[in-house]
Amino acid sequence: MAETGGLPAHLCKADAYRLYGRSDVDRWIEEKLIIPAIINGKVSTKFFDRIQLERIARSSNRLTYLPVADR
């Protein structure tokens, strides 16, 4: 739907936190799995590409994730 204009192409950081969880989004940023969106030729630290977020959320990206007992 994002490609057809039904959804915005970018999500703000607050919406990403709400949809995917703050700890996951912060870990993805720290591990450089997601990068800030480029809007009008400038890198935005507050927006992320929606499709990129969805791909990361669906993929197995738990390489550095620790179980609760090990934290």
PDB file of N, CA and C in Angstrom:
ATOM      1  N   MET A   1       0.804  -1.196   0.000  1.00  0.00           N
ATOM      2  CA  MET A   1       0.000   0.000   0.000  1.00  0.00           C
ATOM      3  C   MET A   1       0.851   1.266   0.000  1.00  0.00           C
ATOM      4  N   ALA A   2       2.023   1.203   0.616  1.00  0.00           N
ATOM      5  CA  ALA A   2       2.887   2.386   0.652  1.00  0.00           C
ATOM      6  C   ALA A   2       3.305   2.783  -0.753  1.00  0.00           C
ATOM      7  N   GLU A   3       3.540   1.786  -1.613  1.00  0.00           N
ATOM      8  CA  GLU A   3       3.982   2.069  -2.969  1.00  0.00           C
ATOM      9  C   GLU A   3       2.877   2.689  -3.817  1.00  0.00           C
ATOM     10  N   THR A   4       1.616   2.417  -3.499  1.00  0.00           N
ATOM     11  CA  THR A   4       0.505   2.976  -4.265  1.00  0.00           C
ATOM     12  C   THR A   4      -0.004   4.278  -3.678  1.00  0.00           C
ATOM     13  N   GLY A   5       0.581   4.736  -2.592  1.00  0.00           N
ATOM     14  CA  GLY A   5       0.173   6.006  -1.998  1.00  0.00           C
ATOM     15  C   GLY A   5      -0.848   5.857  -0.888  1.00  0.00           C
ATOM     16  N   GLY A   6      -1.207   4.625  -0.534  1.00  0.00           N
ATOM     17  CA  GLY A   6      -2.181   4.400   0.528  1.00  0.00           C
ATOM     18  C   GLY A   6      -1.620   4.651   1.914  1.00  0.00           C
ATOM     19  N   LEU A   7      -0.330   4.479   2.055  1.00  0.00           N
ATOM     20  CA  LEU A   7       0.358   4.726   3.323  1.00  0.00           C
ATOM     21  C   LEU A   7       1.510   5.687   3.071  1.00  0.00           C
ATOM     22  N   PRO A   8       1.867   6.482   4.077  1.00  0.00           N
ATOM     23  CA  PRO A   8       3.034   7.359   3.886  1.00  0.00           C
ATOM     24  C   PRO A   8       4.303   6.526   3.727  1.00  0.00           C
ATOM     25  N   ALA A   9       5.238   7.032   2.962  1.00  0.00           N
ATOM     26  CA  ALA A   9       6.488   6.310   2.695  1.00  0.00           C
ATOM     27  C   ALA A   9       7.411   6.289   3.898  1.00  0.00           C
ATOM     28  N   HIS A  10       7.236   7.233   4.822  1.00  0.00           N
ATOM     29  CA  HIS A  10       8.121   7.346   5.979  1.00  0.00           C
ATOM     30  C   HIS A  10       7.324   7.318   7.274  1.00  0.00           C
ATOM     31  N   LEU A  11       7.950   6.780   8.309  1.00  0.00           N
ATOM     32  CA  LEU A  11       7.375   6.779   9.656  1.00  0.00           C
ATOM     33  C   LEU A  11       8.249   7.623  10.558  1.00  0.00           C
ATOM     34  N   CYS A  12       7.614   8.399  11.428  1.00  0.00           N
ATOM     35  CA  CYS A  12       8.417   9.128  12.404  1.00  0.00           C
ATOM     36  C   CYS A  12       8.872   8.136  13.477  1.00  0.00           C
ATOM     37  N   LYS A  13       9.872   8.521  14.217  1.00  0.00           N
ATOM     38  CA  LYS A  13      10.462   7.644  15.220  1.00  0.00           C
ATOM     39  C   LYS A  13       9.429   7.215  16.262  1.00  0.00           C
ATOM     40  N   ALA A  14       8.546   8.130  16.660  1.00  0.00           N
ATOM     41  CA  ALA A  14       7.517   7.807  17.650  1.00  0.00           C
ATOM     42  C   ALA A  14       6.562   6.734  17.139  1.00  0.00           C
ATOM     43  N   ASP A  15       6.185   6.803  15.869  1.00  0.00           N
ATOM     44  CA  ASP A  15       5.312   5.778  15.296  1.00  0.00           C
ATOM     45  C   ASP A  15       6.034   4.436  15.184  1.00  0.00           C
ATOM     46  N   ALA A  16       7.311   4.473  14.849  1.00  0.00           N
ATOM     47  CA  ALA A  16       8.097   3.240  14.785  1.00  0.00           C
ATOM     48  C   ALA A  16       8.169   2.590  16.164  1.00  0.00           C
ATOM     49  N   TYR A  17       8.388   3.400  17.204  1.00  0.00           N
ATOM     50  CA  TYR A  17       8.398   2.877  18.571  1.00  0.00           C
ATOM     51  C   TYR A  17       7.053   2.233  18.910  1.00  0.00           C
ATOM     52  N   ARG A  18       5.974   2.900  18.548  1.00  0.00           N
ATOM     53  CA  ARG A  18       4.637   2.391  18.870  1.00  0.00           C
ATOM     54  C   ARG A  18       4.351   1.079  18.143  1.00  0.00           C
ATOM     55  N   LEU A  19       4.747   0.982  16.883  1.00  0.00           N
ATOM     56  CA  LEU A  19       4.455  -0.216  16.094  1.00  0.00           C
ATOM     57  C   LEU A  19       5.370  -1.398  16.403  1.00  0.00           C
ATOM     58  N   TYR A  20       6.664  -1.124  16.614  1.00  0.00           N
ATOM     59  CA  TYR A  20       7.635  -2.206  16.721  1.00  0.00           C
ATOM     60  C   TYR A  20       8.297  -2.333  18.087  1.00  0.00           C
ATOM     61  N   GLY A  21       8.055  -1.379  18.968  1.00  0.00           N
ATOM     62  CA  GLY A  21       8.654  -1.425  20.300  1.00  0.00           C
ATOM     63  C   GLY A  21       9.935  -0.622  20.368  1.00  0.00           C
ATOM     64  N   ARG A  22      10.060   0.153  21.416  1.00  0.00           N
ATOM     65  CA  ARG A  22      11.221   1.039  21.570  1.00  0.00           C
ATOM     66  C   ARG A  22      12.525   0.262  21.604  1.00  0.00           C
ATOM     67  N   SER A  23      12.570  -0.837  22.346  1.00  0.00           N
ATOM     68  CA  SER A  23      13.834  -1.569  22.475  1.00  0.00           C
ATOM     69  C   SER A  23      14.282  -2.146  21.136  1.00  0.00           C
ATOM     70  N   ASP A  24      13.347  -2.671  20.347  1.00  0.00           N
ATOM     71  CA  ASP A  24      13.717  -3.221  19.043  1.00  0.00           C
ATOM     72  C   ASP A  24      14.204  -2.121  18.100  1.00  0.00           C
ATOM     73  N   VAL A  25      13.469  -1.025  18.029  1.00  0.00           N
ATOM     74  CA  VAL A  25      13.857   0.064  17.126  1.00  0.00           C
ATOM     75  C   VAL A  25      15.217   0.631  17.531  1.00  0.00           C
ATOM     76  N   ASP A  26      15.417   0.851  18.822  1.00  0.00           N
ATOM     77  CA  ASP A  26      16.709   1.367  19.274  1.00  0.00           C
ATOM     78  C   ASP A  26      17.838   0.392  18.971  1.00  0.00           C
ATOM     79  N   ARG A  27      17.593  -0.910  19.109  1.00  0.00           N
ATOM     80  CA  ARG A  27      18.612  -1.913  18.794  1.00  0.00           C
ATOM     81  C   ARG A  27      18.909  -1.919  17.299  1.00  0.00           C
ATOM     82  N   TRP A  28      17.876  -1.804  16.458  1.00  0.00           N
ATOM     83  CA  TRP A  28      18.074  -1.767  15.007  1.00  0.00           C
ATOM     84  C   TRP A  28      18.904  -0.558  14.609  1.00  0.00           C
ATOM     85  N   ILE A  29      18.658   0.589  15.268  1.00  0.00           N
ATOM     86  CA  ILE A  29      19.432   1.793  14.975  1.00  0.00           C
ATOM     87  C   ILE A  29      20.883   1.592  15.407  1.00  0.00           C
ATOM     88  N   GLU A  30      21.081   1.064  16.604  1.00  0.00           N
ATOM     89  CA  GLU A  30      22.429   0.849  17.128  1.00  0.00           C
ATOM     90  C   GLU A  30      23.227  -0.117  16.258  1.00  0.00           C
ATOM     91  N   GLU A  31      22.554  -1.159  15.764  1.00  0.00           N
ATOM     92  CA  GLU A  31      23.222  -2.154  14.928  1.00  0.00           C
ATOM     93  C   GLU A  31      23.262  -1.742  13.459  1.00  0.00           C
ATOM     94  N   LYS A  32      22.759  -0.544  13.169  1.00  0.00           N
ATOM     95  CA  LYS A  32      22.748   0.010  11.813  1.00  0.00           C
ATOM     96  C   LYS A  32      21.977  -0.868  10.827  1.00  0.00           C
ATOM     97  N   LEU A  33      20.916  -1.511  11.337  1.00  0.00           N
ATOM     98  CA  LEU A  33      20.033  -2.262  10.451  1.00  0.00           C
ATOM     99  C   LEU A  33      19.077  -1.322   9.729  1.00  0.00           C
ATOM    100  N   ILE A  34      18.726  -0.227  10.384  1.00  0.00           N
ATOM    101  CA  ILE A  34      17.927   0.808   9.728  1.00  0.00           C
ATOM    102  C   ILE A  34      18.730   2.099   9.745  1.00  0.00           C
ATOM    103  N   ILE A  35      18.536   2.853   8.712  1.00  0.00           N
ATOM    104  CA  ILE A  35      19.202   4.147   8.623  1.00  0.00           C
ATOM    105  C   ILE A  35      18.120   5.209   8.470  1.00  0.00           C
ATOM    106  N   PRO A  36      18.407   6.427   8.892  1.00  0.00           N
ATOM    107  CA  PRO A  36      17.417   7.495   8.756  1.00  0.00           C
ATOM    108  C   PRO A  36      17.030   7.713   7.297  1.00  0.00           C
ATOM    109  N   ALA A  37      15.805   8.163   7.103  1.00  0.00           N
ATOM    110  CA  ALA A  37      15.305   8.420   5.754  1.00  0.00           C
ATOM    111  C   ALA A  37      15.945   9.678   5.181  1.00  0.00           C
ATOM    112  N   ILE A  38      16.002   9.726   3.869  1.00  0.00           N
ATOM    113  CA  ILE A  38      16.462  10.924   3.172  1.00  0.00           C
ATOM    114  C   ILE A  38      15.224  11.610   2.613  1.00  0.00           C
ATOM    115  N   ILE A  39      14.968  12.803   3.134  1.00  0.00           N
ATOM    116  CA  ILE A  39      13.790  13.559   2.729  1.00  0.00           C
ATOM    117  C   ILE A  39      14.268  14.892   2.151  1.00  0.00           C
ATOM    118  N   ASN A  40      13.850  15.160   0.925  1.00  0.00           N
ATOM    119  CA  ASN A  40      14.252  16.384   0.223  1.00  0.00           C
ATOM    120  C   ASN A  40      15.779  16.539   0.169  1.00  0.00           C
ATOM    121  N   GLY A  41      16.474  15.434  -0.019  1.00  0.00           N
ATOM    122  CA  GLY A  41      17.917  15.468  -0.157  1.00  0.00           C
ATOM    123  C   GLY A  41      18.690  15.575   1.141  1.00  0.00           C
ATOM    124  N   LYS A  42      17.997  15.563   2.278  1.00  0.00           N
ATOM    125  CA  LYS A  42      18.661  15.670   3.575  1.00  0.00           C
ATOM    126  C   LYS A  42      18.357  14.438   4.415  1.00  0.00           C
ATOM    127  N   VAL A  43      19.334  14.021   5.208  1.00  0.00           N
ATOM    128  CA  VAL A  43      19.144  12.884   6.106  1.00  0.00           C
ATOM    129  C   VAL A  43      18.338  13.353   7.307  1.00  0.00           C
ATOM    130  N   SER A  44      17.250  12.649   7.582  1.00  0.00           N
ATOM    131  CA  SER A  44      16.395  13.003   8.703  1.00  0.00           C
ATOM    132  C   SER A  44      16.642  12.022   9.842  1.00  0.00           C
ATOM    133  N   THR A  45      16.871  12.527  11.036  1.00  0.00           N
ATOM    134  CA  THR A  45      17.074  11.642  12.188  1.00  0.00           C
ATOM    135  C   THR A  45      15.762  11.269  12.845  1.00  0.00           C
ATOM    136  N   LYS A  46      14.654  11.849  12.386  1.00  0.00           N
ATOM    137  CA  LYS A  46      13.356  11.594  13.005  1.00  0.00           C
ATOM    138  C   LYS A  46      12.444  10.709  12.166  1.00  0.00           C
ATOM    139  N   PHE A  47      12.826  10.389  10.936  1.00  0.00           N
ATOM    140  CA  PHE A  47      11.985   9.595  10.064  1.00  0.00           C
ATOM    141  C   PHE A  47      12.746   8.402   9.500  1.00  0.00           C
ATOM    142  N   PHE A  48      12.003   7.305   9.289  1.00  0.00           N
ATOM    143  CA  PHE A  48      12.567   6.084   8.726  1.00  0.00           C
ATOM    144  C   PHE A  48      11.693   5.612   7.580  1.00  0.00           C
ATOM    145  N   ASP A  49      12.289   4.892   6.643  1.00  0.00           N
ATOM    146  CA  ASP A  49      11.565   4.339   5.518  1.00  0.00           C
ATOM    147  C   ASP A  49      10.651   3.215   6.012  1.00  0.00           C
ATOM    148  N   ARG A  50       9.371   3.309   5.707  1.00  0.00           N
ATOM    149  CA  ARG A  50       8.380   2.340   6.185  1.00  0.00           C
ATOM    150  C   ARG A  50       8.685   0.926   5.684  1.00  0.00           C
ATOM    151  N   ILE A  51       9.025   0.793   4.423  1.00  0.00           N
ATOM    152  CA  ILE A  51       9.287  -0.533   3.853  1.00  0.00           C
ATOM    153  C   ILE A  51      10.507  -1.171   4.504  1.00  0.00           C
ATOM    154  N   GLN A  52      11.550  -0.369   4.733  1.00  0.00           N
ATOM    155  CA  GLN A  52      12.753  -0.885   5.382  1.00  0.00           C
ATOM    156  C   GLN A  52      12.429  -1.388   6.794  1.00  0.00           C
ATOM    157  N   LEU A  53      11.623  -0.630   7.546  1.00  0.00           N
ATOM    158  CA  LEU A  53      11.230  -1.059   8.887  1.00  0.00           C
ATOM    159  C   LEU A  53      10.458  -2.366   8.850  1.00  0.00           C
ATOM    160  N   GLU A  54       9.524  -2.486   7.914  1.00  0.00           N
ATOM    161  CA  GLU A  54       8.727  -3.703   7.816  1.00  0.00           C
ATOM    162  C   GLU A  54       9.592  -4.911   7.466  1.00  0.00           C
ATOM    163  N   ARG A  55      10.553  -4.729   6.576  1.00  0.00           N
ATOM    164  CA  ARG A  55      11.448  -5.840   6.200  1.00  0.00           C
ATOM    165  C   ARG A  55      12.284  -6.295   7.395  1.00  0.00           C
ATOM    166  N   ILE A  56      12.808  -5.352   8.147  1.00  0.00           N
ATOM    167  CA  ILE A  56      13.628  -5.698   9.305  1.00  0.00           C
ATOM    168  C   ILE A  56      12.788  -6.382  10.372  1.00  0.00           C
ATOM    169  N   ALA A  57      11.581  -5.876  10.595  1.00  0.00           N
ATOM    170  CA  ALA A  57      10.701  -6.465  11.603  1.00  0.00           C
ATOM    171  C   ALA A  57      10.334  -7.901  11.252  1.00  0.00           C
ATOM    172  N   ARG A  58      10.205  -8.201   9.973  1.00  0.00           N
ATOM    173  CA  ARG A  58       9.827  -9.553   9.539  1.00  0.00           C
ATOM    174  C   ARG A  58      11.010 -10.507   9.456  1.00  0.00           C
ATOM    175  N   SER A  59      12.211  -9.955   9.359  1.00  0.00           N
ATOM    176  CA  SER A  59      13.384 -10.809   9.202  1.00  0.00           C
ATOM    177  C   SER A  59      13.874 -11.315  10.549  1.00  0.00           C
ATOM    178  N   SER A  60      14.739 -12.280  10.478  1.00  0.00           N
ATOM    179  CA  SER A  60      15.382 -12.784  11.690  1.00  0.00           C
ATOM    180  C   SER A  60      16.560 -11.879  11.981  1.00  0.00           C
ATOM    181  N   ASN A  61      16.407 -10.941  12.915  1.00  0.00           N
ATOM    182  CA  ASN A  61      17.461  -9.980  13.195  1.00  0.00           C
ATOM    183  C   ASN A  61      17.857 -10.044  14.660  1.00  0.00           C
ATOM    184  N   ARG A  62      17.808 -11.205  15.226  1.00  0.00           N
ATOM    185  CA  ARG A  62      18.053 -11.377  16.654  1.00  0.00           C
ATOM    186  C   ARG A  62      19.454 -11.880  16.965  1.00  0.00           C
ATOM    187  N   LEU A  63      20.426 -11.574  16.120  1.00  0.00           N
ATOM    188  CA  LEU A  63      21.780 -12.086  16.338  1.00  0.00           C
ATOM    189  C   LEU A  63      22.369 -11.627  17.671  1.00  0.00           C
ATOM    190  N   THR A  64      22.118 -10.390  18.056  1.00  0.00           N
ATOM    191  CA  THR A  64      22.694  -9.892  19.306  1.00  0.00           C
ATOM    192  C   THR A  64      21.659  -9.798  20.413  1.00  0.00           C
ATOM    193  N   TYR A  65      20.463 -10.252  20.148  1.00  0.00           N
ATOM    194  CA  TYR A  65      19.396 -10.193  21.128  1.00  0.00           C
ATOM    195  C   TYR A  65      19.662 -11.227  22.224  1.00  0.00           C
ATOM    196  N   LEU A  66      19.560 -10.831  23.471  1.00  0.00           N
ATOM    197  CA  LEU A  66      19.802 -11.747  24.578  1.00  0.00           C
ATOM    198  C   LEU A  66      18.488 -12.144  25.230  1.00  0.00           C
ATOM    199  N   PRO A  67      18.345 -13.405  25.598  1.00  0.00           N
ATOM    200  CA  PRO A  67      17.159 -13.814  26.358  1.00  0.00           C
ATOM    201  C   PRO A  67      17.107 -13.072  27.702  1.00  0.00           C
ATOM    202  N   VAL A  68      15.939 -12.986  28.277  1.00  0.00           N
ATOM    203  CA  VAL A  68      15.745 -12.243  29.517  1.00  0.00           C
ATOM    204  C   VAL A  68      16.685 -12.747  30.613  1.00  0.00           C
ATOM    205  N   ALA A  69      16.890 -14.042  30.693  1.00  0.00           N
ATOM    206  CA  ALA A  69      17.740 -14.606  31.741  1.00  0.00           C
ATOM    207  C   ALA A  69      19.198 -14.164  31.606  1.00  0.00           C
ATOM    208  N   ASP A  70      19.634 -13.828  30.391  1.00  0.00           N
ATOM    209  CA  ASP A  70      21.018 -13.454  30.160  1.00  0.00           C
ATOM    210  C   ASP A  70      21.279 -11.949  30.216  1.00  0.00           C
ATOM    211  N   ARG A  71      20.238 -11.150  30.348  1.00  0.00           N
ATOM    212  CA  ARG A  71      20.422  -9.683  30.353  1.00  0.00           C
ATOM    213  C   ARG A  71      20.969  -9.193  31.655  1.00  0.00           C
TER     214      ARG A  71
END
